[in-house]
């Protein structure tokens, strides 16, 4: 059974940092892209960042320069380092794995985690 388990969310003040982790089990994703999405209250799930099996990275414009995605193939884990957080970054953050197609589209990913809440206070 494939599982993606996110951790590292929480409450932080504006300007602070958090590091999200997504540990995968039941399948090795080293040959596939993995990504992070988020859903803010009242909004659709949106793309945040993705990384390919070769290490290429892609970011939504609103996180460029603030967030960094990385992965550890040996641990089957993907990370999202979030710096200079803003109140508008408040959302549930989801890990996604095994993409087929555009990396910034929700339907492209086969597996999803349950999400972790990130709240940024002003």
Protein backbone atom coordinates (compact mmCIF):
# COMPACT_ATOMS: atom_id res chain seq x y z
CA UNK A 1 0.00 0.00 0.00
CA UNK A 2 1.43 3.35 -1.06
CA UNK A 3 1.46 6.09 1.54
CA UNK A 4 2.68 9.66 1.49
CA UNK A 5 2.91 11.18 4.96
CA UNK A 6 3.52 14.90 5.35
CA UNK A 7 4.95 16.47 8.48
CA UNK A 8 6.43 19.75 9.62
CA UNK A 9 3.42 22.02 9.41
CA UNK A 10 2.43 24.37 12.18
CA UNK A 11 1.87 27.95 13.23
CA UNK A 12 4.55 30.53 12.51
CA UNK A 13 4.78 34.31 12.48
CA UNK A 14 5.15 36.22 9.24
CA UNK A 15 8.77 36.21 8.11
CA UNK A 16 9.43 32.87 9.74
CA UNK A 17 10.35 29.50 8.28
CA UNK A 18 9.06 25.95 8.21
CA UNK A 19 10.35 22.78 6.60
CA UNK A 20 7.82 20.28 5.36
CA UNK A 21 8.70 16.64 4.80
CA UNK A 22 6.88 13.99 2.83
CA UNK A 23 7.92 10.41 3.46
CA UNK A 24 6.79 7.84 0.93
CA UNK A 25 6.34 4.15 1.58
CA UNK A 26 5.09 1.18 -0.36
CA UNK A 27 6.69 2.31 -3.62
CA UNK A 28 9.95 3.90 -4.72
CA UNK A 29 9.49 7.22 -6.49
CA UNK A 30 13.09 7.87 -7.51
CA UNK A 31 12.14 7.62 -11.19
CA UNK A 32 9.21 10.00 -10.92
CA UNK A 33 8.55 13.64 -10.28
CA UNK A 34 7.20 14.69 -6.90
CA UNK A 35 5.53 17.91 -5.96
CA UNK A 36 3.85 20.10 -3.40
CA UNK A 37 0.45 21.73 -3.72
CA UNK A 38 -1.61 23.76 -1.31
CA UNK A 39 -5.23 24.66 -0.71
CA UNK A 40 -6.15 27.82 1.13
CA UNK A 41 -9.61 28.21 2.69
CA UNK A 42 -12.20 28.79 0.00
CA UNK A 43 -9.75 28.23 -2.84
CA UNK A 44 -8.83 25.45 -5.23
CA UNK A 45 -5.75 23.31 -4.73
CA UNK A 46 -2.80 25.02 -6.44
CA UNK A 47 0.68 24.13 -7.50
CA UNK A 48 3.58 25.19 -5.29
CA UNK A 49 6.70 23.33 -6.43
CA UNK A 50 7.90 20.15 -8.11
CA UNK A 51 11.11 18.26 -8.64
CA UNK A 52 11.92 15.68 -11.29
CA UNK A 53 13.82 12.43 -10.85
CA UNK A 54 16.90 14.21 -12.20
CA UNK A 55 16.66 17.05 -9.72
CA UNK A 56 15.19 19.79 -11.90
CA UNK A 57 12.94 22.08 -9.90
CA UNK A 58 9.90 24.18 -10.77
CA UNK A 59 8.09 26.77 -8.68
CA UNK A 60 4.93 28.78 -8.74
CA UNK A 61 5.70 32.46 -9.23
CA UNK A 62 4.37 33.37 -5.80
CA UNK A 63 6.99 31.24 -3.99
CA UNK A 64 10.05 31.81 -6.15
CA UNK A 65 12.96 32.94 -4.05
CA UNK A 66 11.23 31.96 -0.79
CA UNK A 67 10.57 28.20 -1.04
CA UNK A 68 12.98 25.41 -1.97
CA UNK A 69 12.02 21.88 -2.92
CA UNK A 70 14.47 19.03 -2.54
CA UNK A 71 14.42 15.26 -2.30
CA UNK A 72 16.39 12.42 -0.80
CA UNK A 73 16.13 9.37 -3.05
CA UNK A 74 17.64 7.07 -0.44
CA UNK A 75 14.94 8.06 2.04
CA UNK A 76 12.18 8.25 -0.57
CA UNK A 77 11.38 11.67 0.86
CA UNK A 78 10.71 15.11 -0.58
CA UNK A 79 11.07 18.36 1.36
CA UNK A 80 9.78 21.89 1.08
CA UNK A 81 11.82 24.56 2.84
CA UNK A 82 9.63 27.61 3.28
CA UNK A 83 11.27 30.91 4.22
CA UNK A 84 9.96 34.47 4.49
CA UNK A 85 6.48 33.13 5.08
CA UNK A 86 3.51 35.42 4.56
CA UNK A 87 -0.03 35.23 5.95
CA UNK A 88 -1.25 34.43 2.44
CA UNK A 89 0.83 31.22 2.55
CA UNK A 90 -1.66 29.87 5.10
CA UNK A 91 -3.06 26.64 3.64
CA UNK A 92 -3.08 22.88 3.84
CA UNK A 93 0.01 21.66 2.02
CA UNK A 94 -0.14 18.38 0.10
CA UNK A 95 2.60 16.15 -1.18
CA UNK A 96 2.08 14.45 -4.52
CA UNK A 97 4.04 11.74 -6.34
CA UNK A 98 4.37 10.02 -9.70
CA UNK A 99 3.45 12.66 -12.22
CA UNK A 100 2.37 12.00 -15.79
CA UNK A 101 2.14 15.20 -17.74
CA UNK A 102 2.43 18.79 -16.62
CA UNK A 103 3.97 19.02 -13.17
CA UNK A 104 1.83 21.99 -12.16
CA UNK A 105 -1.51 20.23 -12.66
CA UNK A 106 -3.38 18.31 -9.94
CA UNK A 107 -4.63 15.56 -12.32
CA UNK A 108 -1.04 14.75 -13.35
CA UNK A 109 -0.21 13.08 -10.03
CA UNK A 110 -1.14 9.54 -9.13
CA UNK A 111 -0.56 9.57 -5.35
CA UNK A 112 -1.39 12.16 -2.69
CA UNK A 113 -0.76 12.65 0.98
CA UNK A 114 -3.38 13.75 3.50
CA UNK A 115 -1.92 17.21 3.94
CA UNK A 116 -0.37 19.26 6.71
CA UNK A 117 -1.65 22.60 7.95
CA UNK A 118 0.57 25.67 7.69
CA UNK A 119 -0.68 28.82 9.40
CA UNK A 120 1.16 32.13 9.20
CA UNK A 121 0.15 34.91 11.56
CA UNK A 122 0.66 38.59 10.81
